Amino acid sequence: MAIGASGSEGLHDLCRLLACFPSSLPAVVLAVLHRPSNRISHLRQVLARRSALPVLIPEEDQVFRIGRCYIGEPAAHLSLAERSRVCLVEGANNKYRNKTVDLLFMSVAAHARTRSIGVVLRGSLSDGSRGLAAIHFAGGVTMVVGSRGMAAEGMPSNATNYDGPIDFIGSVEEIAAEISHRTGALTADMLSGD
């Protein structure tokens, strides 16, 4: 599952979403929050205080593990490679500034395909729009934060208006419940051989 957010509102949403997930969540969580590449980040510590899942900064070519949340460094952007491996994309000098969500989502669409879930939380600009569409066209599930069926302004509404339908629009808590339901159903299908 890939999650993208930006700014203080996006950070707030990301913290709330991770706080909703049980430690037994049967999924790999890959999260991106826009950050300047030339500053020290304390994102891992901030998220770890609120998450029942361990929050980790992986190394290149490491294998992602279920039941963990992964983030990249400000200048080493998180993406998914073949066989559930970590690919860190060098991003010094803000090379991918405001495009890091699409970078992650595109890699998830390419390698996780129908097993992917993409979630766009709050933030400004349009990062995540192209990547969420790619997840949709790969057969994955797409979600954006909002209320009463309407996407929140900024990244969520831009993603909704970009290309392809959004499978689920709801509050952070509703998204967490939907993810838990879908990952539980997927795990049950895999175990039963369906």
C-alpha atoms as a PDB file:
ATOM      1  CA  MET A   1       0.000   0.000   0.000  1.00  0.00           C
ATOM      2  CA  ALA A   2       1.312   3.445  -0.931  1.00  0.00           C
ATOM      3  CA  ILE A   3       0.319   6.657   0.850  1.00  0.00           C
ATOM      4  CA  GLY A   4       1.144  10.199  -0.258  1.00  0.00           C
ATOM      5  CA  ALA A   5       0.723  13.507   1.550  1.00  0.00           C
ATOM      6  CA  SER A   6       2.170  17.009   1.751  1.00  0.00           C
ATOM      7  CA  GLY A   7       2.431  19.829   4.268  1.00  0.00           C
ATOM      8  CA  SER A   8       1.202  20.024   7.844  1.00  0.00           C
ATOM      9  CA  GLU A   9      -2.323  18.877   6.940  1.00  0.00           C
ATOM     10  CA  GLY A  10      -0.920  15.849   5.119  1.00  0.00           C
ATOM     11  CA  LEU A  11       1.351  15.034   8.053  1.00  0.00           C
ATOM     12  CA  HIS A  12      -1.659  15.249  10.378  1.00  0.00           C
ATOM     13  CA  ASP A  13      -3.622  12.872   8.114  1.00  0.00           C
ATOM     14  CA  LEU A  14      -0.697  10.454   7.871  1.00  0.00           C
ATOM     15  CA  CYS A  15      -0.260  10.345  11.654  1.00  0.00           C
ATOM     16  CA  ARG A  16      -4.001   9.730  12.125  1.00  0.00           C
ATOM     17  CA  LEU A  17      -4.056   6.997   9.472  1.00  0.00           C
ATOM     18  CA  LEU A  18      -1.103   5.134  10.972  1.00  0.00           C
ATOM     19  CA  ALA A  19      -2.683   5.445  14.431  1.00  0.00           C
ATOM     20  CA  CYS A  20      -5.758   3.614  13.092  1.00  0.00           C
ATOM     21  CA  PHE A  21      -3.849   0.596  11.759  1.00  0.00           C
ATOM     22  CA  PRO A  22      -3.453  -2.427  14.052  1.00  0.00           C
ATOM     23  CA  SER A  23      -0.004  -3.929  14.518  1.00  0.00           C
ATOM     24  CA  SER A  24      -1.367  -7.034  12.762  1.00  0.00           C
ATOM     25  CA  LEU A  25      -2.220  -5.197   9.501  1.00  0.00           C
ATOM     26  CA  PRO A  26      -1.440  -7.722   6.739  1.00  0.00           C
ATOM     27  CA  ALA A  27       0.168  -5.180   4.408  1.00  0.00           C
ATOM     28  CA  VAL A  28       3.377  -3.335   3.639  1.00  0.00           C
ATOM     29  CA  VAL A  29       2.850   0.410   4.120  1.00  0.00           C
ATOM     30  CA  LEU A  30       4.986   2.756   1.999  1.00  0.00           C
ATOM     31  CA  ALA A  31       4.524   6.414   2.920  1.00  0.00           C
ATOM     32  CA  VAL A  32       5.752   9.627   1.314  1.00  0.00           C
ATOM     33  CA  LEU A  33       5.483  13.153   2.715  1.00  0.00           C
ATOM     34  CA  HIS A  34       6.997  16.065   0.776  1.00  0.00           C
ATOM     35  CA  ARG A  35      10.188  17.279   2.496  1.00  0.00           C
ATOM     36  CA  PRO A  36      13.073  19.471   1.347  1.00  0.00           C
ATOM     37  CA  SER A  37      16.061  17.310   0.400  1.00  0.00           C
ATOM     38  CA  ASN A  38      18.590  19.550   2.137  1.00  0.00           C
ATOM     39  CA  ARG A  39      17.141  19.481   5.666  1.00  0.00           C
ATOM     40  CA  ILE A  40      17.345  16.970   8.487  1.00  0.00           C
ATOM     41  CA  SER A  41      14.036  15.185   8.933  1.00  0.00           C
ATOM     42  CA  HIS A  42      12.499  13.750  12.101  1.00  0.00           C
ATOM     43  CA  LEU A  43       9.574  12.186  10.239  1.00  0.00           C
ATOM     44  CA  ARG A  44      10.371   8.630  11.354  1.00  0.00           C
ATOM     45  CA  GLN A  45      10.300   9.607  15.027  1.00  0.00           C
ATOM     46  CA  VAL A  46       7.091  11.651  14.613  1.00  0.00           C
ATOM     47  CA  LEU A  47       5.271   8.782  12.870  1.00  0.00           C
ATOM     48  CA  ALA A  48       6.655   6.096  15.202  1.00  0.00           C
ATOM     49  CA  ARG A  49       5.096   7.852  18.218  1.00  0.00           C
ATOM     50  CA  ARG A  50       1.640   7.345  16.713  1.00  0.00           C
ATOM     51  CA  SER A  51       1.953   4.057  14.840  1.00  0.00           C
ATOM     52  CA  ALA A  52       1.444   0.500  16.117  1.00  0.00           C
ATOM     53  CA  LEU A  53       3.432  -0.589  13.038  1.00  0.00           C
ATOM     54  CA  PRO A  54       7.208  -0.184  13.221  1.00  0.00           C
ATOM     55  CA  VAL A  55       8.272   2.833  11.118  1.00  0.00           C
ATOM     56  CA  LEU A  56      11.517   2.115   9.266  1.00  0.00           C
ATOM     57  CA  ILE A  57      13.910   3.771   6.846  1.00  0.00           C
ATOM     58  CA  PRO A  58      15.026   0.917   4.563  1.00  0.00           C
ATOM     59  CA  GLU A  59      18.283   0.331   2.729  1.00  0.00           C
ATOM     60  CA  GLU A  60      18.646  -0.192  -1.010  1.00  0.00           C
ATOM     61  CA  ASP A  61      17.609  -3.681  -2.212  1.00  0.00           C
ATOM     62  CA  GLN A  62      16.213  -4.654   1.193  1.00  0.00           C
ATOM     63  CA  VAL A  63      13.003  -6.735   1.041  1.00  0.00           C
ATOM     64  CA  PHE A  64       9.858  -5.001   2.284  1.00  0.00           C
ATOM     65  CA  ARG A  65       8.116  -6.929   5.087  1.00  0.00           C
ATOM     66  CA  ILE A  66       4.413  -7.123   5.942  1.00  0.00           C
ATOM     67  CA  GLY A  67       3.320  -5.336   9.109  1.00  0.00           C
ATOM     68  CA  ARG A  68       5.774  -2.456   8.748  1.00  0.00           C
ATOM     69  CA  CYS A  69       5.631   1.151   7.567  1.00  0.00           C
ATOM     70  CA  TYR A  70       8.527   2.410   5.431  1.00  0.00           C
ATOM     71  CA  ILE A  71       9.579   5.952   4.583  1.00  0.00           C
ATOM     72  CA  GLY A  72      12.525   7.280   2.611  1.00  0.00           C
ATOM     73  CA  GLU A  73      15.056   9.940   3.502  1.00  0.00           C
ATOM     74  CA  PRO A  74      14.567  13.518   2.240  1.00  0.00           C
ATOM     75  CA  ALA A  75      17.144  12.966  -0.554  1.00  0.00           C
ATOM     76  CA  ALA A  76      16.585   9.199  -1.046  1.00  0.00           C
ATOM     77  CA  HIS A  77      13.036   8.712  -2.253  1.00  0.00           C
ATOM     78  CA  LEU A  78      11.172   5.504  -1.566  1.00  0.00           C
ATOM     79  CA  SER A  79      10.016   3.297  -4.432  1.00  0.00           C
ATOM     80  CA  LEU A  80       9.172  -0.352  -5.054  1.00  0.00           C
ATOM     81  CA  ALA A  81      11.296  -2.613  -7.246  1.00  0.00           C
ATOM     82  CA  GLU A  82      10.782  -6.195  -8.422  1.00  0.00           C
ATOM     83  CA  ARG A  83      10.274  -8.979  -5.879  1.00  0.00           C
ATOM     84  CA  SER A  84       9.137  -6.555  -3.125  1.00  0.00           C
ATOM     85  CA  ARG A  85      12.544  -4.918  -2.915  1.00  0.00           C
ATOM     86  CA  VAL A  86      13.472  -1.383  -1.944  1.00  0.00           C
ATOM     87  CA  CYS A  87      14.609   1.054  -4.598  1.00  0.00           C
ATOM     88  CA  LEU A  88      15.861   4.390  -3.282  1.00  0.00           C
ATOM     89  CA  VAL A  89      15.826   7.123  -5.915  1.00  0.00           C
ATOM     90  CA  GLU A  90      18.528   9.754  -5.446  1.00  0.00           C
ATOM     91  CA  GLY A  91      16.888  13.145  -5.071  1.00  0.00           C
ATOM     92  CA  ALA A  92      19.499  15.618  -3.834  1.00  0.00           C
ATOM     93  CA  ASN A  93      18.996  19.312  -4.625  1.00  0.00           C
ATOM     94  CA  ASN A  94      15.221  18.777  -4.610  1.00  0.00           C
ATOM     95  CA  LYS A  95      15.460  16.902  -7.920  1.00  0.00           C
ATOM     96  CA  TYR A  96      11.996  15.358  -7.426  1.00  0.00           C
ATOM     97  CA  ARG A  97      10.539  18.152  -5.341  1.00  0.00           C
ATOM     98  CA  ASN A  98       6.737  17.801  -5.224  1.00  0.00           C
ATOM     99  CA  LYS A  99       6.862  14.674  -7.432  1.00  0.00           C
ATOM    100  CA  THR A 100       7.830  12.049  -4.860  1.00  0.00           C
ATOM    101  CA  VAL A 101       4.289  10.691  -4.414  1.00  0.00           C
ATOM    102  CA  ASP A 102       3.979  10.001  -8.155  1.00  0.00           C
ATOM    103  CA  LEU A 103       7.430   8.403  -8.076  1.00  0.00           C
ATOM    104  CA  LEU A 104       6.297   5.941  -5.384  1.00  0.00           C
ATOM    105  CA  PHE A 105       2.829   5.326  -6.852  1.00  0.00           C
ATOM    106  CA  MET A 106       4.182   4.625 -10.363  1.00  0.00           C
ATOM    107  CA  SER A 107       6.579   2.019  -8.956  1.00  0.00           C
ATOM    108  CA  VAL A 108       3.775   0.385  -6.947  1.00  0.00           C
ATOM    109  CA  ALA A 109       1.524   0.281 -10.025  1.00  0.00           C
ATOM    110  CA  ALA A 110       4.320  -1.340 -12.043  1.00  0.00           C
ATOM    111  CA  HIS A 111       5.315  -3.982  -9.506  1.00  0.00           C
ATOM    112  CA  ALA A 112       2.316  -4.636  -7.212  1.00  0.00           C
ATOM    113  CA  ARG A 113      -0.344  -4.226  -9.915  1.00  0.00           C
ATOM    114  CA  THR A 114      -3.688  -5.696  -8.737  1.00  0.00           C
ATOM    115  CA  ARG A 115      -2.393  -6.062  -5.159  1.00  0.00           C
ATOM    116  CA  SER A 116      -1.770  -2.309  -4.853  1.00  0.00           C
ATOM    117  CA  ILE A 117      -3.650   0.296  -2.862  1.00  0.00           C
ATOM    118  CA  GLY A 118      -2.898   3.986  -3.393  1.00  0.00           C
ATOM    119  CA  VAL A 119      -4.044   6.621  -0.903  1.00  0.00           C
ATOM    120  CA  VAL A 120      -3.807  10.391  -1.425  1.00  0.00           C
ATOM    121  CA  LEU A 121      -4.062  12.436   1.750  1.00  0.00           C
ATOM    122  CA  ARG A 122      -4.160  16.216   2.037  1.00  0.00           C
ATOM    123  CA  GLY A 123      -1.579  18.528   0.522  1.00  0.00           C
ATOM    124  CA  SER A 124      -1.353  21.166  -2.164  1.00  0.00           C
ATOM    125  CA  LEU A 125      -0.464  20.818  -5.867  1.00  0.00           C
ATOM    126  CA  SER A 126      -1.154  17.722  -7.952  1.00  0.00           C
ATOM    127  CA  ASP A 127       1.485  15.190  -6.878  1.00  0.00           C
ATOM    128  CA  GLY A 128      -0.070  11.728  -6.717  1.00  0.00           C
ATOM    129  CA  SER A 129      -2.583  12.323  -9.540  1.00  0.00           C
ATOM    130  CA  ARG A 130      -0.646  10.505 -12.271  1.00  0.00           C
ATOM    131  CA  GLY A 131       0.510   7.760  -9.930  1.00  0.00           C
ATOM    132  CA  LEU A 132      -2.983   7.109  -8.568  1.00  0.00           C
ATOM    133  CA  ALA A 133      -4.294   6.841 -12.145  1.00  0.00           C
ATOM    134  CA  ALA A 134      -1.490   4.344 -12.876  1.00  0.00           C
ATOM    135  CA  ILE A 135      -2.544   2.258  -9.867  1.00  0.00           C
ATOM    136  CA  HIS A 136      -6.140   2.315 -11.117  1.00  0.00           C
ATOM    137  CA  PHE A 137      -5.162   1.192 -14.620  1.00  0.00           C
ATOM    138  CA  ALA A 138      -2.947  -1.556 -13.155  1.00  0.00           C
ATOM    139  CA  GLY A 139      -6.024  -2.973 -11.401  1.00  0.00           C
ATOM    140  CA  GLY A 140      -5.240  -1.643  -7.933  1.00  0.00           C
ATOM    141  CA  VAL A 141      -7.474   0.210  -5.472  1.00  0.00           C
ATOM    142  CA  THR A 142      -7.494   4.018  -5.281  1.00  0.00           C
ATOM    143  CA  MET A 143      -8.523   6.139  -2.306  1.00  0.00           C
ATOM    144  CA  VAL A 144      -8.512   9.836  -1.426  1.00  0.00           C
ATOM    145  CA  VAL A 145      -9.362  11.652   1.770  1.00  0.00           C
ATOM    146  CA  GLY A 146     -12.547  13.708   1.840  1.00  0.00           C
ATOM    147  CA  SER A 147     -16.033  13.807   3.271  1.00  0.00           C
ATOM    148  CA  ARG A 148     -19.538  12.979   2.033  1.00  0.00           C
ATOM    149  CA  GLY A 149     -18.146  11.546  -1.193  1.00  0.00           C
ATOM    150  CA  MET A 150     -16.245  14.736  -2.048  1.00  0.00           C
ATOM    151  CA  ALA A 151     -12.451  14.795  -2.166  1.00  0.00           C
ATOM    152  CA  ALA A 152     -10.623  17.301   0.022  1.00  0.00           C
ATOM    153  CA  GLU A 153      -9.127  20.325  -1.756  1.00  0.00           C
ATOM    154  CA  GLY A 154      -5.613  20.118  -3.174  1.00  0.00           C
ATOM    155  CA  MET A 155      -3.961  16.766  -3.851  1.00  0.00           C
ATOM    156  CA  PRO A 156      -7.108  14.645  -3.245  1.00  0.00           C
ATOM    157  CA  SER A 157      -9.372  16.688  -5.552  1.00  0.00           C
ATOM    158  CA  ASN A 158      -6.622  16.957  -8.182  1.00  0.00           C
ATOM    159  CA  ALA A 159      -6.230  13.174  -8.130  1.00  0.00           C
ATOM    160  CA  THR A 160      -9.996  12.716  -8.406  1.00  0.00           C
ATOM    161  CA  ASN A 161     -10.186  15.031 -11.415  1.00  0.00           C
ATOM    162  CA  TYR A 162      -7.112  13.660 -13.196  1.00  0.00           C
ATOM    163  CA  ASP A 163      -7.943  10.325 -14.853  1.00  0.00           C
ATOM    164  CA  GLY A 164      -9.811   7.185 -13.859  1.00  0.00           C
ATOM    165  CA  PRO A 165     -12.360   6.672 -11.107  1.00  0.00           C
ATOM    166  CA  ILE A 166     -11.514   6.711  -7.412  1.00  0.00           C
ATOM    167  CA  ASP A 167     -12.652   3.592  -5.568  1.00  0.00           C
ATOM    168  CA  PHE A 168     -13.122   5.160  -2.144  1.00  0.00           C
ATOM    169  CA  ILE A 169     -13.455   8.691  -0.749  1.00  0.00           C
ATOM    170  CA  GLY A 170     -13.745   9.143   3.000  1.00  0.00           C
ATOM    171  CA  SER A 171     -12.285  10.428   6.226  1.00  0.00           C
ATOM    172  CA  VAL A 172      -8.930   9.156   7.448  1.00  0.00           C
ATOM    173  CA  GLU A 173     -10.715   6.784   9.812  1.00  0.00           C
ATOM    174  CA  GLU A 174     -13.027   5.514   7.062  1.00  0.00           C
ATOM    175  CA  ILE A 175     -10.030   4.949   4.771  1.00  0.00           C
ATOM    176  CA  ALA A 176      -8.270   2.994   7.540  1.00  0.00           C
ATOM    177  CA  ALA A 177     -11.344   0.786   8.018  1.00  0.00           C
ATOM    178  CA  GLU A 178     -11.635   0.213   4.255  1.00  0.00           C
ATOM    179  CA  ILE A 179      -7.942  -0.705   4.004  1.00  0.00           C
ATOM    180  CA  SER A 180      -8.251  -3.127   6.927  1.00  0.00           C
ATOM    181  CA  HIS A 181     -11.287  -4.719   5.263  1.00  0.00           C
ATOM    182  CA  ARG A 182      -9.638  -5.002   1.836  1.00  0.00           C
ATOM    183  CA  THR A 183      -6.285  -6.293   3.102  1.00  0.00           C
ATOM    184  CA  GLY A 184      -8.053  -8.814   5.319  1.00  0.00           C
ATOM    185  CA  ALA A 185     -10.141 -10.050   2.379  1.00  0.00           C
ATOM    186  CA  LEU A 186      -7.065 -10.239   0.128  1.00  0.00           C
ATOM    187  CA  THR A 187      -5.168 -12.233   2.754  1.00  0.00           C
ATOM    188  CA  ALA A 188      -8.105 -14.625   3.175  1.00  0.00           C
ATOM    189  CA  ASP A 189      -8.270 -15.142  -0.609  1.00  0.00           C
ATOM    190  CA  MET A 190      -4.531 -15.845  -0.763  1.00  0.00           C
ATOM    191  CA  LEU A 191      -4.710 -18.354   2.088  1.00  0.00           C
ATOM    192  CA  SER A 192      -7.699 -20.163   0.572  1.00  0.00           C
ATOM    193  CA  GLY A 193      -6.048 -20.318  -2.846  1.00  0.00           C
ATOM    194  CA  ASP A 194      -8.805 -18.327  -4.615  1.00  0.00           C
END
